[in-house]
Amino acid sequence: MIQKRIAQWAVMAVAVPLAAAGARRLSHTLEARRGPSGVSRMLSRGADVLRPRKARRRRFW
């Protein structure tokens, strides 16, 4: 049971961020070569869903 939890943690802590970074990098590479397209936008959107970039905190004073 604890091995299953460790495996789940490893997937969430390692594999998901790597997949998001890979999708984002592939999207940037495709856009640099061929310009923006539906595939590159979908890859970027998928990377944002998996691991969104941290938003800056707004300070009002």
PDB file of N, CA and C in Angstrom:
ATOM      1  N   MET A   1       0.823  -1.192   0.000  1.00  0.00           N
ATOM      2  CA  MET A   1       0.000   0.000   0.000  1.00  0.00           C
ATOM      3  C   MET A   1       0.864   1.251   0.000  1.00  0.00           C
ATOM      4  N   ILE A   2       1.895   1.255   0.804  1.00  0.00           N
ATOM      5  CA  ILE A   2       2.751   2.438   0.844  1.00  0.00           C
ATOM      6  C   ILE A   2       3.562   2.574  -0.436  1.00  0.00           C
ATOM      7  N   GLN A   3       3.877   1.457  -1.083  1.00  0.00           N
ATOM      8  CA  GLN A   3       4.600   1.515  -2.349  1.00  0.00           C
ATOM      9  C   GLN A   3       3.742   2.161  -3.434  1.00  0.00           C
ATOM     10  N   LYS A   4       2.453   1.907  -3.394  1.00  0.00           N
ATOM     11  CA  LYS A   4       1.551   2.512  -4.358  1.00  0.00           C
ATOM     12  C   LYS A   4       1.505   4.024  -4.176  1.00  0.00           C
ATOM     13  N   ARG A   5       1.472   4.467  -2.923  1.00  0.00           N
ATOM     14  CA  ARG A   5       1.475   5.909  -2.640  1.00  0.00           C
ATOM     15  C   ARG A   5       2.775   6.566  -3.079  1.00  0.00           C
ATOM     16  N   ILE A   6       3.885   5.888  -2.860  1.00  0.00           N
ATOM     17  CA  ILE A   6       5.179   6.424  -3.278  1.00  0.00           C
ATOM     18  C   ILE A   6       5.232   6.533  -4.801  1.00  0.00           C
ATOM     19  N   ALA A   7       4.700   5.529  -5.481  1.00  0.00           N
ATOM     20  CA  ALA A   7       4.672   5.563  -6.943  1.00  0.00           C
ATOM     21  C   ALA A   7       3.786   6.700  -7.450  1.00  0.00           C
ATOM     22  N   GLN A   8       2.650   6.915  -6.817  1.00  0.00           N
ATOM     23  CA  GLN A   8       1.766   8.011  -7.208  1.00  0.00           C
ATOM     24  C   GLN A   8       2.447   9.355  -6.978  1.00  0.00           C
ATOM     25  N   TRP A   9       3.126   9.479  -5.853  1.00  0.00           N
ATOM     26  CA  TRP A   9       3.833  10.723  -5.555  1.00  0.00           C
ATOM     27  C   TRP A   9       4.927  10.965  -6.597  1.00  0.00           C
ATOM     28  N   ALA A  10       5.663   9.910  -6.954  1.00  0.00           N
ATOM     29  CA  ALA A  10       6.739  10.057  -7.921  1.00  0.00           C
ATOM     30  C   ALA A  10       6.193  10.524  -9.274  1.00  0.00           C
ATOM     31  N   VAL A  11       5.071   9.987  -9.671  1.00  0.00           N
ATOM     32  CA  VAL A  11       4.474  10.411 -10.935  1.00  0.00           C
ATOM     33  C   VAL A  11       4.075  11.877 -10.864  1.00  0.00           C
ATOM     34  N   MET A  12       3.429  12.270  -9.792  1.00  0.00           N
ATOM     35  CA  MET A  12       2.980  13.655  -9.677  1.00  0.00           C
ATOM     36  C   MET A  12       4.140  14.632  -9.490  1.00  0.00           C
ATOM     37  N   ALA A  13       5.174  14.216  -8.796  1.00  0.00           N
ATOM     38  CA  ALA A  13       6.272  15.128  -8.491  1.00  0.00           C
ATOM     39  C   ALA A  13       7.302  15.194  -9.605  1.00  0.00           C
ATOM     40  N   VAL A  14       7.422  14.149 -10.408  1.00  0.00           N
ATOM     41  CA  VAL A  14       8.489  14.109 -11.401  1.00  0.00           C
ATOM     42  C   VAL A  14       7.935  14.052 -12.825  1.00  0.00           C
ATOM     43  N   ALA A  15       7.098  13.104 -13.112  1.00  0.00           N
ATOM     44  CA  ALA A  15       6.671  12.865 -14.488  1.00  0.00           C
ATOM     45  C   ALA A  15       5.781  13.981 -15.040  1.00  0.00           C
ATOM     46  N   VAL A  16       4.854  14.476 -14.256  1.00  0.00           N
ATOM     47  CA  VAL A  16       3.938  15.504 -14.753  1.00  0.00           C
ATOM     48  C   VAL A  16       4.670  16.807 -15.074  1.00  0.00           C
ATOM     49  N   PRO A  17       5.540  17.319 -14.194  1.00  0.00           N
ATOM     50  CA  PRO A  17       6.283  18.529 -14.571  1.00  0.00           C
ATOM     51  C   PRO A  17       7.199  18.324 -15.778  1.00  0.00           C
ATOM     52  N   LEU A  18       7.800  17.146 -15.892  1.00  0.00           N
ATOM     53  CA  LEU A  18       8.640  16.880 -17.061  1.00  0.00           C
ATOM     54  C   LEU A  18       7.809  16.850 -18.340  1.00  0.00           C
ATOM     55  N   ALA A  19       6.642  16.261 -18.276  1.00  0.00           N
ATOM     56  CA  ALA A  19       5.766  16.227 -19.451  1.00  0.00           C
ATOM     57  C   ALA A  19       5.320  17.634 -19.840  1.00  0.00           C
ATOM     58  N   ALA A  20       4.999  18.459 -18.854  1.00  0.00           N
ATOM     59  CA  ALA A  20       4.589  19.839 -19.142  1.00  0.00           C
ATOM     60  C   ALA A  20       5.740  20.627 -19.757  1.00  0.00           C
ATOM     61  N   ALA A  21       6.938  20.463 -19.218  1.00  0.00           N
ATOM     62  CA  ALA A  21       8.100  21.177 -19.759  1.00  0.00           C
ATOM     63  C   ALA A  21       8.400  20.697 -21.181  1.00  0.00           C
ATOM     64  N   GLY A  22       8.279  19.410 -21.421  1.00  0.00           N
ATOM     65  CA  GLY A  22       8.514  18.881 -22.760  1.00  0.00           C
ATOM     66  C   GLY A  22       7.498  19.399 -23.765  1.00  0.00           C
ATOM     67  N   ALA A  23       6.237  19.460 -23.368  1.00  0.00           N
ATOM     68  CA  ALA A  23       5.200  19.973 -24.265  1.00  0.00           C
ATOM     69  C   ALA A  23       5.416  21.451 -24.554  1.00  0.00           C
ATOM     70  N   ARG A  24       5.806  22.207 -23.534  1.00  0.00           N
ATOM     71  CA  ARG A  24       6.050  23.636 -23.734  1.00  0.00           C
ATOM     72  C   ARG A  24       7.249  23.851 -24.670  1.00  0.00           C
ATOM     73  N   ARG A  25       8.297  23.080 -24.467  1.00  0.00           N
ATOM     74  CA  ARG A  25       9.490  23.216 -25.316  1.00  0.00           C
ATOM     75  C   ARG A  25       9.182  22.823 -26.763  1.00  0.00           C
ATOM     76  N   LEU A  26       8.445  21.748 -26.934  1.00  0.00           N
ATOM     77  CA  LEU A  26       8.055  21.325 -28.277  1.00  0.00           C
ATOM     78  C   LEU A  26       7.199  22.388 -28.951  1.00  0.00           C
ATOM     79  N   SER A  27       6.302  23.009 -28.195  1.00  0.00           N
ATOM     80  CA  SER A  27       5.461  24.064 -28.731  1.00  0.00           C
ATOM     81  C   SER A  27       6.299  25.241 -29.208  1.00  0.00           C
ATOM     82  N   HIS A  28       7.270  25.656 -28.392  1.00  0.00           N
ATOM     83  CA  HIS A  28       8.131  26.776 -28.785  1.00  0.00           C
ATOM     84  C   HIS A  28       8.968  26.427 -30.015  1.00  0.00           C
ATOM     85  N   THR A  29       9.436  25.192 -30.085  1.00  0.00           N
ATOM     86  CA  THR A  29      10.231  24.769 -31.235  1.00  0.00           C
ATOM     87  C   THR A  29       9.397  24.772 -32.505  1.00  0.00           C
ATOM     88  N   LEU A  30       8.182  24.248 -32.422  1.00  0.00           N
ATOM     89  CA  LEU A  30       7.303  24.238 -33.595  1.00  0.00           C
ATOM     90  C   LEU A  30       6.960  25.652 -34.051  1.00  0.00           C
ATOM     91  N   GLU A  31       6.695  26.551 -33.101  1.00  0.00           N
ATOM     92  CA  GLU A  31       6.369  27.927 -33.464  1.00  0.00           C
ATOM     93  C   GLU A  31       7.566  28.630 -34.081  1.00  0.00           C
ATOM     94  N   ALA A  32       8.768  28.323 -33.608  1.00  0.00           N
ATOM     95  CA  ALA A  32       9.961  28.960 -34.171  1.00  0.00           C
ATOM     96  C   ALA A  32      10.187  28.495 -35.606  1.00  0.00           C
ATOM     97  N   ARG A  33       9.894  27.246 -35.895  1.00  0.00           N
ATOM     98  CA  ARG A  33      10.137  26.725 -37.241  1.00  0.00           C
ATOM     99  C   ARG A  33       9.037  27.077 -38.224  1.00  0.00           C
ATOM    100  N   ARG A  34       7.795  26.917 -37.813  1.00  0.00           N
ATOM    101  CA  ARG A  34       6.683  27.019 -38.763  1.00  0.00           C
ATOM    102  C   ARG A  34       5.688  28.128 -38.448  1.00  0.00           C
ATOM    103  N   GLY A  35       5.906  28.846 -37.366  1.00  0.00           N
ATOM    104  CA  GLY A  35       4.953  29.876 -36.979  1.00  0.00           C
ATOM    105  C   GLY A  35       3.848  29.285 -36.124  1.00  0.00           C
ATOM    106  N   PRO A  36       3.002  30.145 -35.580  1.00  0.00           N
ATOM    107  CA  PRO A  36       1.929  29.650 -34.719  1.00  0.00           C
ATOM    108  C   PRO A  36       0.937  28.785 -35.496  1.00  0.00           C
ATOM    109  N   SER A  37       0.489  27.723 -34.852  1.00  0.00           N
ATOM    110  CA  SER A  37      -0.497  26.836 -35.472  1.00  0.00           C
ATOM    111  C   SER A  37      -1.395  26.274 -34.376  1.00  0.00           C
ATOM    112  N   GLY A  38      -2.383  25.549 -34.789  1.00  0.00           N
ATOM    113  CA  GLY A  38      -3.302  24.935 -33.827  1.00  0.00           C
ATOM    114  C   GLY A  38      -2.604  23.924 -32.940  1.00  0.00           C
ATOM    115  N   VAL A  39      -1.654  23.182 -33.514  1.00  0.00           N
ATOM    116  CA  VAL A  39      -0.933  22.166 -32.743  1.00  0.00           C
ATOM    117  C   VAL A  39      -0.063  22.819 -31.681  1.00  0.00           C
ATOM    118  N   SER A  40       0.658  23.870 -32.058  1.00  0.00           N
ATOM    119  CA  SER A  40       1.528  24.524 -31.081  1.00  0.00           C
ATOM    120  C   SER A  40       0.716  25.183 -29.969  1.00  0.00           C
ATOM    121  N   ARG A  41      -0.422  25.764 -30.329  1.00  0.00           N
ATOM    122  CA  ARG A  41      -1.282  26.360 -29.290  1.00  0.00           C
ATOM    123  C   ARG A  41      -1.850  25.297 -28.366  1.00  0.00           C
ATOM    124  N   MET A  42      -2.210  24.148 -28.928  1.00  0.00           N
ATOM    125  CA  MET A  42      -2.748  23.074 -28.109  1.00  0.00           C
ATOM    126  C   MET A  42      -1.684  22.525 -27.158  1.00  0.00           C
ATOM    127  N   LEU A  43      -0.451  22.416 -27.638  1.00  0.00           N
ATOM    128  CA  LEU A  43       0.632  21.963 -26.767  1.00  0.00           C
ATOM    129  C   LEU A  43       0.870  22.947 -25.622  1.00  0.00           C
ATOM    130  N   SER A  44       0.857  24.238 -25.933  1.00  0.00           N
ATOM    131  CA  SER A  44       1.037  25.244 -24.879  1.00  0.00           C
ATOM    132  C   SER A  44      -0.110  25.203 -23.877  1.00  0.00           C
ATOM    133  N   ARG A  45      -1.323  25.074 -24.390  1.00  0.00           N
ATOM    134  CA  ARG A  45      -2.485  25.022 -23.508  1.00  0.00           C
ATOM    135  C   ARG A  45      -2.454  23.777 -22.623  1.00  0.00           C
ATOM    136  N   GLY A  46      -2.033  22.652 -23.211  1.00  0.00           N
ATOM    137  CA  GLY A  46      -1.915  21.417 -22.431  1.00  0.00           C
ATOM    138  C   GLY A  46      -0.856  21.534 -21.356  1.00  0.00           C
ATOM    139  N   ALA A  47       0.258  22.195 -21.679  1.00  0.00           N
ATOM    140  CA  ALA A  47       1.304  22.406 -20.678  1.00  0.00           C
ATOM    141  C   ALA A  47       0.796  23.303 -19.560  1.00  0.00           C
ATOM    142  N   ASP A  48      -0.017  24.305 -19.902  1.00  0.00           N
ATOM    143  CA  ASP A  48      -0.582  25.182 -18.872  1.00  0.00           C
ATOM    144  C   ASP A  48      -1.557  24.433 -17.972  1.00  0.00           C
ATOM    145  N   VAL A  49      -2.288  23.508 -18.550  1.00  0.00           N
ATOM    146  CA  VAL A  49      -3.226  22.721 -17.743  1.00  0.00           C
ATOM    147  C   VAL A  49      -2.458  21.816 -16.782  1.00  0.00           C
ATOM    148  N   LEU A  50      -1.398  21.184 -17.299  1.00  0.00           N
ATOM    149  CA  LEU A  50      -0.613  20.286 -16.446  1.00  0.00           C
ATOM    150  C   LEU A  50       0.128  21.041 -15.355  1.00  0.00           C
ATOM    151  N   ARG A  51       0.759  22.128 -15.742  1.00  0.00           N
ATOM    152  CA  ARG A  51       1.558  22.876 -14.776  1.00  0.00           C
ATOM    153  C   ARG A  51       1.552  24.352 -15.165  1.00  0.00           C
ATOM    154  N   PRO A  52       0.599  25.110 -14.639  1.00  0.00           N
ATOM    155  CA  PRO A  52       0.542  26.529 -14.999  1.00  0.00           C
ATOM    156  C   PRO A  52       1.717  27.298 -14.395  1.00  0.00           C
ATOM    157  N   ARG A  53       2.132  28.305 -15.085  1.00  0.00           N
ATOM    158  CA  ARG A  53       3.182  29.161 -14.543  1.00  0.00           C
ATOM    159  C   ARG A  53       2.611  29.938 -13.374  1.00  0.00           C
ATOM    160  N   LYS A  54       3.437  30.173 -12.382  1.00  0.00           N
ATOM    161  CA  LYS A  54       2.949  30.878 -11.204  1.00  0.00           C
ATOM    162  C   LYS A  54       2.656  32.333 -11.557  1.00  0.00           C
ATOM    163  N   ALA A  55       1.492  32.782 -11.171  1.00  0.00           N
ATOM    164  CA  ALA A  55       1.110  34.165 -11.432  1.00  0.00           C
ATOM    165  C   ALA A  55       1.798  35.079 -10.419  1.00  0.00           C
ATOM    166  N   ARG A  56       2.118  36.256 -10.890  1.00  0.00           N
ATOM    167  CA  ARG A  56       2.725  37.214  -9.974  1.00  0.00           C
ATOM    168  C   ARG A  56       1.688  37.701  -8.982  1.00  0.00           C
ATOM    169  N   ARG A  57       2.130  37.913  -7.770  1.00  0.00           N
ATOM    170  CA  ARG A  57       1.224  38.432  -6.760  1.00  0.00           C
ATOM    171  C   ARG A  57       1.058  39.931  -6.963  1.00  0.00           C
ATOM    172  N   ARG A  58      -0.148  40.377  -6.916  1.00  0.00           N
ATOM    173  CA  ARG A  58      -0.408  41.804  -7.058  1.00  0.00           C
ATOM    174  C   ARG A  58      -0.352  42.455  -5.695  1.00  0.00           C
ATOM    175  N   ARG A  59       0.323  43.560  -5.650  1.00  0.00           N
ATOM    176  CA  ARG A  59       0.392  44.326  -4.402  1.00  0.00           C
ATOM    177  C   ARG A  59      -0.236  45.669  -4.649  1.00  0.00           C
ATOM    178  N   PHE A  60      -1.124  46.029  -3.785  1.00  0.00           N
ATOM    179  CA  PHE A  60      -1.870  47.266  -3.985  1.00  0.00           C
ATOM    180  C   PHE A  60      -1.278  48.441  -3.231  1.00  0.00           C
ATOM    181  N   TRP A  61      -0.247  48.220  -2.458  1.00  0.00           N
ATOM    182  CA  TRP A  61       0.411  49.327  -1.797  1.00  0.00           C
ATOM    183  C   TRP A  61       1.877  49.141  -1.718  1.00  0.00           C
TER     184      TRP A  61
END
